[in-house]
C-alpha cells in the first residue's frame, strides 16, 4: 500500500495543470505539472489492468498487460506523433529502454542493496531477458544503418517497406515471446512472475491482498485513466517545444529523458518497491521485461500507427548517439545482471552510466531525424 499511497497525492496536479493551462503560464511550468499529473494516472492504468487480467486466462491476461501496461508510453508517443514531433517520439522509445535498463534497475539495486546488503535472483532468466534485449536493439539498428548508408531519393520506397516489414516482424517476435513466457516455458520464469507487467500486477495485488474490484469498476477505471492520460499528454506535448526552447533542450533530449521517465514511472516505482522488499526476481523482471515490451511492442505499433495519424510516417532510424547508447545500455546491463546477485554499488554503476548518457544527449544540438 505504501507505493500506491505515495503517488496518490499527485492526482492533485490534474486540476493544477488545467488551471495553469487556463492561466497561460510559462511552458516549462505547464510541462512539469502535466508530467507529475501523468504519474498517478499511469499507476492507475497498471492496477486496473491487473484487476482485469485476474479474470482472464494467461494468454488474454498477457495480451491485456502488453496492450495496457505500456499505455502511458503509447499515449504520450501517439500524441507526439500527431503533432509531428518525430524526433521526440524516437527519443521516448530509446529513452524508455535506457530508463528501464539503467535508471529503474539501478535505483532498485541501490535501495534494495542499502536495506538488504546482497540480493539474489534467477540468473538464467536474467540472461534470457538480456539476450532478448540485444536482439531487439540489433533490430532497431537495422533501419538506422539502412537510412544512413543508402539514403537517396530512389530508395525511399524500399526504406518504407523495411520499416513496415520490421514492425510486423517485431510484433510477431513479441507474440512468440508471450507464448514462450506464458505457455511453453513458464517454469523458467516462475520466480519473477513470468512477464514484466504481470510482475507489476502481482506486486500491486500483494500490496492490496484481498482487494478485488468489480468488472465495471476495473473497466471504468481503465477507460477513465486512459482518457485522463490522453488529456494530460496533449498538454504535456503541447508545452514540450516551448519548454525545450526556454530551457535549451532539444526534442530528442525531452523525449529520451522526461517523456520516457514519466511514461514508465509506474513500472519503475514497482520495480524499486519490489527490490526494497527483497524480491529481486520480480524487480529484475519488471525492469528488463518492460524494456523488451518497448522494443518489440510499443516501437512497431508506433511505426504502423504513424501511417494513419502522423503528418509523415515514423521510421525507426535512430541517430548514431541513440544506437550507441542503446548498445552500451544492453551490454552494461547484461554484464551487471548476469551473475544473479545485486548490491548497492551495482546500482550506482547503472545510475552513473545513465547519467553520463543523459548528459551527452543534453549537450547534443537539435538535429533532424536520422537519414
Protein backbone atom coordinates (compact mmCIF):
# COMPACT_ATOMS: atom_id res chain seq x y z
CA UNK A 1 0.00 0.00 0.00
CA UNK A 2 2.91 2.36 0.63
CA UNK A 3 3.76 2.59 -3.07
CA UNK A 4 0.17 3.27 -4.03
CA UNK A 5 -0.35 5.96 -1.39
CA UNK A 6 2.96 7.59 -2.24
CA UNK A 7 1.72 8.61 -5.69
CA UNK A 8 -1.96 9.25 -4.95
CA UNK A 9 -1.34 12.84 -3.87
CA UNK A 10 0.00 13.56 -7.36
CA UNK A 11 -3.60 13.41 -8.64
CA UNK A 12 -3.78 17.00 -7.32
CA UNK A 13 -1.69 18.02 -10.31
CA UNK A 14 -4.54 17.22 -12.71
CA UNK A 15 -6.67 20.24 -11.67
CA UNK A 16 -3.48 22.25 -11.10
CA UNK A 17 -2.39 21.54 -14.69
CA UNK A 18 -5.80 22.51 -16.07
CA UNK A 19 -5.70 25.75 -14.09
CA UNK A 20 -2.18 26.54 -15.26
CA UNK A 21 -3.20 25.94 -18.88
CA UNK A 22 -6.17 28.27 -18.46
CA UNK A 23 -3.94 30.95 -16.95
CA UNK A 24 -1.43 30.68 -19.81
CA UNK A 25 1.65 30.22 -17.64
CA UNK A 26 5.16 29.62 -18.97
CA UNK A 27 5.62 26.39 -20.94
CA UNK A 28 8.14 24.75 -18.54
CA UNK A 29 5.80 25.14 -15.55
CA UNK A 30 2.89 23.66 -17.51
CA UNK A 31 5.08 20.85 -18.88
CA UNK A 32 6.34 19.65 -15.50
CA UNK A 33 2.91 19.97 -13.90
CA UNK A 34 1.41 17.76 -16.62
CA UNK A 35 4.28 15.31 -16.21
CA UNK A 36 3.56 14.95 -12.49
CA UNK A 37 -0.15 14.50 -13.23
CA UNK A 38 0.55 11.58 -15.58
CA UNK A 39 2.47 9.54 -12.96
CA UNK A 40 -0.53 8.55 -10.77
CA UNK A 41 -2.67 8.04 -13.89
CA UNK A 42 -0.09 5.55 -15.15
CA UNK A 43 -0.18 3.76 -11.81
CA UNK A 44 -3.97 3.53 -12.01
CA UNK A 45 -3.78 2.07 -15.54
CA UNK A 46 -1.36 -0.63 -14.35
CA UNK A 47 -3.56 -1.55 -11.38
CA UNK A 48 -6.81 -1.59 -13.40
CA UNK A 49 -5.13 -3.85 -15.95
CA UNK A 50 -4.13 -6.23 -13.14
CA UNK A 51 -7.71 -6.42 -11.96
CA UNK A 52 -8.91 -7.30 -15.47
CA UNK A 53 -6.11 -9.82 -16.03
CA UNK A 54 -7.10 -11.80 -12.92
CA UNK A 55 -10.42 -12.58 -14.61
CA UNK A 56 -8.92 -13.98 -17.81
CA UNK A 57 -6.66 -16.82 -18.83
CA UNK A 58 -2.92 -16.42 -19.15
CA UNK A 59 -3.00 -15.70 -22.88
CA UNK A 60 -5.66 -12.98 -22.67
CA UNK A 61 -4.11 -11.64 -19.50
CA UNK A 62 -0.76 -11.39 -21.23
CA UNK A 63 -2.36 -9.55 -24.14
CA UNK A 64 -4.09 -7.13 -21.76
CA UNK A 65 -0.82 -6.49 -20.00
CA UNK A 66 1.03 -5.95 -23.28
CA UNK A 67 -1.66 -3.57 -24.52
CA UNK A 68 -2.35 -1.51 -21.41
CA UNK A 69 0.77 -1.97 -19.28
CA UNK A 70 2.63 0.41 -21.58
CA UNK A 71 -0.41 2.56 -22.29
CA UNK A 72 1.11 5.73 -20.77
CA UNK A 73 4.17 5.48 -23.04
CA UNK A 74 1.95 4.70 -26.03
CA UNK A 75 -0.47 7.56 -25.35
CA UNK A 76 2.28 10.14 -24.91
CA UNK A 77 4.06 8.94 -28.05
CA UNK A 78 0.84 8.87 -30.10
CA UNK A 79 0.06 12.46 -29.13
CA UNK A 80 3.60 13.46 -30.12
CA UNK A 81 3.18 11.57 -33.41
CA UNK A 82 0.01 13.51 -34.22
CA UNK A 83 1.90 16.73 -33.53
CA UNK A 84 4.64 15.65 -35.94
CA UNK A 85 7.35 15.58 -33.25
CA UNK A 86 9.10 12.53 -34.67
CA UNK A 87 12.44 13.24 -33.00
CA UNK A 88 10.67 13.35 -29.67
CA UNK A 89 8.93 10.04 -30.36
CA UNK A 90 12.19 8.33 -31.31
CA UNK A 91 13.75 9.79 -28.19
CA UNK A 92 10.94 8.45 -25.99
CA UNK A 93 11.39 4.93 -27.43
CA UNK A 94 15.14 4.90 -26.83
CA UNK A 95 14.74 6.70 -23.52
CA UNK A 96 12.20 4.19 -22.18
CA UNK A 97 14.65 1.35 -22.84
CA UNK A 98 17.51 3.27 -21.25
CA UNK A 99 15.42 4.32 -18.24
CA UNK A 100 14.31 0.76 -17.50
CA UNK A 101 17.67 -0.91 -18.09
CA UNK A 102 19.83 1.64 -16.30
CA UNK A 103 17.87 4.08 -14.14
CA UNK A 104 15.00 1.98 -12.74
CA UNK A 105 17.13 -1.13 -12.28
CA UNK A 106 19.98 0.97 -10.87
CA UNK A 107 17.77 2.64 -8.26
CA UNK A 108 16.25 -0.77 -7.42
CA UNK A 109 19.72 -2.27 -6.89
CA UNK A 110 20.84 0.77 -4.88
CA UNK A 111 17.88 0.99 -2.50
CA UNK A 112 17.49 -2.76 -2.22
CA UNK A 113 21.20 -3.17 -1.51
CA UNK A 114 21.21 -0.47 1.16
CA UNK A 115 18.47 -2.34 3.02
CA UNK A 116 19.45 -5.98 2.38
CA UNK A 117 23.21 -5.84 1.62
CA UNK A 118 23.40 -8.60 -1.07
CA UNK A 119 20.35 -9.81 -3.01
CA UNK A 120 19.97 -12.86 -5.23
CA UNK A 121 17.73 -13.58 -8.23
CA UNK A 122 17.44 -16.12 -11.05
CA UNK A 123 20.49 -15.54 -13.31
CA UNK A 124 19.21 -17.82 -16.09
CA UNK A 125 16.04 -15.78 -16.50
CA UNK A 126 18.01 -12.52 -16.40
CA UNK A 127 20.25 -13.80 -19.21
CA UNK A 128 17.21 -14.66 -21.34
CA UNK A 129 15.90 -11.13 -20.87
CA UNK A 130 19.33 -9.72 -21.75
CA UNK A 131 19.63 -11.78 -24.94
CA UNK A 132 16.13 -10.69 -25.99
CA UNK A 133 17.12 -7.06 -25.43
CA UNK A 134 20.28 -7.45 -27.51
CA UNK A 135 18.26 -8.92 -30.39
CA UNK A 136 15.72 -6.09 -30.08
CA UNK A 137 18.40 -3.40 -30.16
CA UNK A 138 20.06 -5.01 -33.18
CA UNK A 139 16.69 -4.96 -34.96
CA UNK A 140 16.26 -1.26 -34.14
CA UNK A 141 19.73 -0.53 -35.51
CA UNK A 142 18.99 -2.08 -38.92
CA UNK A 143 16.77 0.71 -40.33
CA UNK A 144 19.15 3.29 -38.88
CA UNK A 145 22.07 1.79 -40.81
CA UNK A 146 19.96 1.42 -43.96
CA UNK A 147 18.84 5.04 -43.80
CA UNK A 148 22.36 6.34 -43.14
CA UNK A 149 24.22 4.43 -45.84
CA UNK A 150 21.56 4.26 -48.56
CA UNK A 151 19.54 7.43 -48.02
CA UNK A 152 18.84 8.52 -51.58
CA UNK A 153 15.60 9.53 -53.24
CA UNK A 154 15.32 6.39 -55.37
CA UNK A 155 15.12 4.02 -52.39
CA UNK A 156 12.50 5.83 -50.31
CA UNK A 157 10.01 3.07 -51.09
CA UNK A 158 12.48 0.37 -50.03
CA UNK A 159 13.11 2.20 -46.77
CA UNK A 160 9.38 2.39 -46.11
CA UNK A 161 8.95 -1.33 -46.82
CA UNK A 162 11.87 -2.09 -44.50
CA UNK A 163 10.30 -0.15 -41.62
CA UNK A 164 6.84 -1.65 -42.06
CA UNK A 165 8.30 -5.12 -42.51
CA UNK A 166 10.46 -4.73 -39.43
CA UNK A 167 7.47 -3.53 -37.39
CA UNK A 168 5.47 -6.61 -38.37
CA UNK A 169 8.42 -8.93 -37.63
CA UNK A 170 8.91 -7.38 -34.19
CA UNK A 171 5.23 -7.78 -33.35
CA UNK A 172 5.37 -11.45 -34.40
CA UNK A 173 8.50 -11.88 -32.27
CA UNK A 174 6.67 -10.30 -29.35
CA UNK A 175 3.68 -12.62 -29.78
CA UNK A 176 6.04 -15.61 -29.75
CA UNK A 177 7.73 -14.13 -26.68
CA UNK A 178 4.36 -14.17 -24.91
CA UNK A 179 3.81 -17.78 -25.95
CA UNK A 180 7.27 -18.73 -24.66
CA UNK A 181 6.74 -16.95 -21.33
CA UNK A 182 3.12 -17.87 -20.70
CA UNK A 183 2.66 -21.28 -22.32
CA UNK A 184 5.70 -23.33 -23.26
CA UNK A 185 8.30 -22.33 -20.63
CA UNK A 186 6.56 -20.57 -17.74
CA UNK A 187 8.55 -22.54 -15.16
CA UNK A 188 11.82 -20.94 -16.20
CA UNK A 189 10.42 -17.53 -15.24
CA UNK A 190 8.22 -18.51 -12.31
CA UNK A 191 10.40 -16.78 -9.77
CA UNK A 192 9.95 -13.33 -11.33
CA UNK A 193 6.34 -13.64 -12.33
CA UNK A 194 6.71 -14.68 -16.00
CA UNK A 195 6.08 -11.29 -17.57
CA UNK A 196 7.09 -7.75 -16.85
CA UNK A 197 3.62 -6.29 -16.37
CA UNK A 198 2.41 -9.43 -14.65
CA UNK A 199 5.19 -8.82 -12.15
CA UNK A 200 3.95 -5.26 -11.71
CA UNK A 201 0.42 -6.53 -11.28
CA UNK A 202 1.42 -9.23 -8.81
CA UNK A 203 3.19 -6.57 -6.77
CA UNK A 204 0.06 -4.44 -6.73
CA UNK A 205 -2.04 -7.47 -5.88
CA UNK A 206 0.18 -8.34 -2.94
CA UNK A 207 0.10 -4.81 -1.66
CA UNK A 208 -3.70 -4.95 -1.64
CA UNK A 209 -4.19 -8.58 -0.74
CA UNK A 210 -7.87 -9.48 -0.57
CA UNK A 211 -8.97 -6.40 -2.52
CA UNK A 212 -10.81 -7.21 -5.76
CA UNK A 213 -12.54 -4.73 -7.99
CA UNK A 214 -15.78 -5.44 -9.76
CA UNK A 215 -15.59 -5.79 -13.54
CA UNK A 216 -17.40 -2.48 -14.20
CA UNK A 217 -15.06 -0.70 -11.79
CA UNK A 218 -11.96 -2.18 -13.42
CA UNK A 219 -13.13 -1.33 -16.95
CA UNK A 220 -14.34 2.12 -15.91
CA UNK A 221 -11.05 2.89 -14.16
CA UNK A 222 -9.05 1.75 -17.17
CA UNK A 223 -11.09 3.79 -19.64
CA UNK A 224 -11.19 6.84 -17.38
CA UNK A 225 -7.45 6.69 -16.68
CA UNK A 226 -6.70 6.30 -20.40
CA UNK A 227 -8.81 9.37 -21.20
CA UNK A 228 -7.08 11.36 -18.46
CA UNK A 229 -3.68 10.20 -19.72
CA UNK A 230 -4.54 11.32 -23.25
CA UNK A 231 -5.77 14.68 -21.94
CA UNK A 232 -2.65 15.33 -19.85
CA UNK A 233 -0.45 14.07 -22.69
CA UNK A 234 -1.97 16.63 -25.06
CA UNK A 235 -1.00 19.36 -22.61
CA UNK A 236 2.42 17.82 -21.97
CA UNK A 237 3.34 17.54 -25.64
CA UNK A 238 1.84 20.93 -26.42
CA UNK A 239 4.20 22.53 -23.90
CA UNK A 240 7.19 20.40 -24.88
CA UNK A 241 8.56 22.60 -27.66
CA UNK A 242 8.22 25.77 -25.61
CA UNK A 243 9.91 24.02 -22.69
CA UNK A 244 12.79 22.93 -24.89
CA UNK A 245 13.27 26.45 -26.19
CA UNK A 246 13.09 28.01 -22.74
CA UNK A 247 15.47 25.52 -21.09
CA UNK A 248 17.80 24.95 -24.04
CA UNK A 249 16.72 21.34 -24.55
CA UNK A 250 16.26 19.54 -27.86
CA UNK A 251 13.20 17.49 -28.81
CA UNK A 252 15.40 14.42 -28.58
CA UNK A 253 16.50 15.16 -25.01
CA UNK A 254 12.95 15.87 -23.84
CA UNK A 255 11.81 12.57 -25.35
CA UNK A 256 14.76 10.50 -24.19
CA UNK A 257 14.71 11.72 -20.58
CA UNK A 258 11.48 13.42 -19.49
CA UNK A 259 8.83 11.65 -21.56
CA UNK A 260 10.48 8.27 -21.07
CA UNK A 261 10.75 8.63 -17.29
CA UNK A 262 7.20 9.96 -16.93
CA UNK A 263 5.66 7.28 -19.16
CA UNK A 264 7.39 4.43 -17.32
CA UNK A 265 7.09 5.87 -13.82
CA UNK A 266 4.52 3.36 -12.55
CA UNK A 267 6.51 0.30 -13.59
CA UNK A 268 9.79 1.82 -12.37
CA UNK A 269 8.30 2.53 -8.94
CA UNK A 270 7.03 -1.04 -8.79
CA UNK A 271 10.49 -2.43 -9.57
CA UNK A 272 12.02 -0.23 -6.86
CA UNK A 273 9.37 -1.27 -4.33
CA UNK A 274 9.99 -4.96 -5.05
CA UNK A 275 13.73 -4.50 -4.53
CA UNK A 276 13.10 -2.86 -1.17
CA UNK A 277 11.04 -5.94 -0.23
CA UNK A 278 13.96 -8.19 -1.26
CA UNK A 279 12.01 -9.60 -4.22
CA UNK A 280 14.74 -9.12 -6.77
CA UNK A 281 13.40 -11.68 -9.25
CA UNK A 282 10.31 -9.56 -9.65
CA UNK A 283 12.25 -6.28 -9.73
CA UNK A 284 14.58 -7.54 -12.48
CA UNK A 285 11.63 -8.99 -14.39
CA UNK A 286 9.80 -5.66 -14.33
CA UNK A 287 12.76 -3.57 -15.47
CA UNK A 288 14.12 -5.86 -18.18
CA UNK A 289 10.71 -7.12 -19.32
CA UNK A 290 9.44 -3.56 -19.73
CA UNK A 291 12.40 -2.76 -21.97
CA UNK A 292 11.56 -5.75 -24.17
CA UNK A 293 7.96 -4.56 -24.43
CA UNK A 294 9.06 -1.11 -25.55
CA UNK A 295 11.34 -2.50 -28.27
CA UNK A 296 9.14 -5.34 -29.53
CA UNK A 297 5.66 -3.95 -28.95
CA UNK A 298 5.49 -0.18 -28.47
CA UNK A 299 8.01 0.78 -31.18
CA UNK A 300 6.41 -1.25 -34.02
CA UNK A 301 2.91 -0.16 -33.01
CA UNK A 302 4.01 3.47 -33.28
CA UNK A 303 5.53 2.84 -36.72
CA UNK A 304 2.29 1.32 -38.03
CA UNK A 305 0.13 3.98 -36.34
CA UNK A 306 2.18 6.79 -37.87
CA UNK A 307 0.84 5.93 -41.35
CA UNK A 308 -2.64 6.85 -40.16
CA UNK A 309 -2.21 9.69 -37.65
CA UNK A 310 1.13 11.43 -38.24
CA UNK A 311 1.97 14.11 -40.84
CA UNK A 312 4.63 11.72 -42.15
CA UNK A 313 5.50 8.08 -41.39
CA UNK A 314 7.77 7.30 -38.46
CA UNK A 315 10.98 5.49 -39.41
CA UNK A 316 12.94 3.62 -36.76
CA UNK A 317 16.03 5.42 -38.00
CA UNK A 318 17.83 6.39 -34.82
CA UNK A 319 20.94 8.53 -34.90
CA UNK A 320 24.41 7.25 -34.06
CA UNK A 321 24.12 8.56 -30.49
CA UNK A 322 20.85 6.72 -29.78
CA UNK A 323 22.04 3.44 -31.33
CA UNK A 324 25.34 3.65 -29.48
CA UNK A 325 23.62 4.44 -26.18
CA UNK A 326 21.23 1.51 -26.58
CA UNK A 327 24.06 -0.93 -27.29
CA UNK A 328 26.03 0.37 -24.32
CA UNK A 329 22.97 0.05 -22.05
CA UNK A 330 22.27 -3.53 -23.12
CA UNK A 331 25.91 -4.59 -22.80
CA UNK A 332 26.34 -2.94 -19.40
CA UNK A 333 23.02 -4.35 -18.22
CA UNK A 334 23.97 -7.85 -19.37
CA UNK A 335 27.28 -7.71 -17.51
CA UNK A 336 25.75 -6.33 -14.31
CA UNK A 337 22.74 -8.65 -14.03
CA UNK A 338 24.32 -11.81 -15.46
CA UNK A 339 25.65 -13.27 -12.18
CA UNK A 340 22.30 -13.30 -10.38
CA UNK A 341 23.44 -11.15 -7.45
CA UNK A 342 22.99 -7.44 -6.80
CA UNK A 343 24.23 -4.90 -4.28
CA UNK A 344 24.03 -1.15 -3.78
CA UNK A 345 27.21 -0.40 -5.73
CA UNK A 346 25.93 -2.19 -8.84
CA UNK A 347 23.04 0.26 -8.65
CA UNK A 348 25.49 3.15 -8.51
CA UNK A 349 27.23 1.80 -11.62
CA UNK A 350 23.98 1.63 -13.62
CA UNK A 351 22.83 5.09 -12.48
CA UNK A 352 26.25 6.53 -13.36
CA UNK A 353 26.04 5.19 -16.92
CA UNK A 354 22.50 6.56 -17.29
CA UNK A 355 23.59 9.99 -16.03
CA UNK A 356 26.51 10.10 -18.47
CA UNK A 357 24.23 9.17 -21.38
CA UNK A 358 21.61 11.75 -20.34
CA UNK A 359 24.31 14.46 -20.14
CA UNK A 360 25.50 13.52 -23.61
CA UNK A 361 22.00 13.93 -25.06
CA UNK A 362 21.52 17.22 -23.24
CA UNK A 363 24.65 18.60 -24.89
CA UNK A 364 23.78 17.32 -28.38
CA UNK A 365 22.45 20.08 -30.65
CA UNK A 366 18.98 19.84 -32.16
CA UNK A 367 19.18 17.57 -35.20
CA UNK A 368 16.86 16.31 -37.88
CA UNK A 369 15.69 12.69 -37.82
CA UNK A 370 18.35 10.27 -38.90
CA UNK A 371 18.52 9.86 -42.62
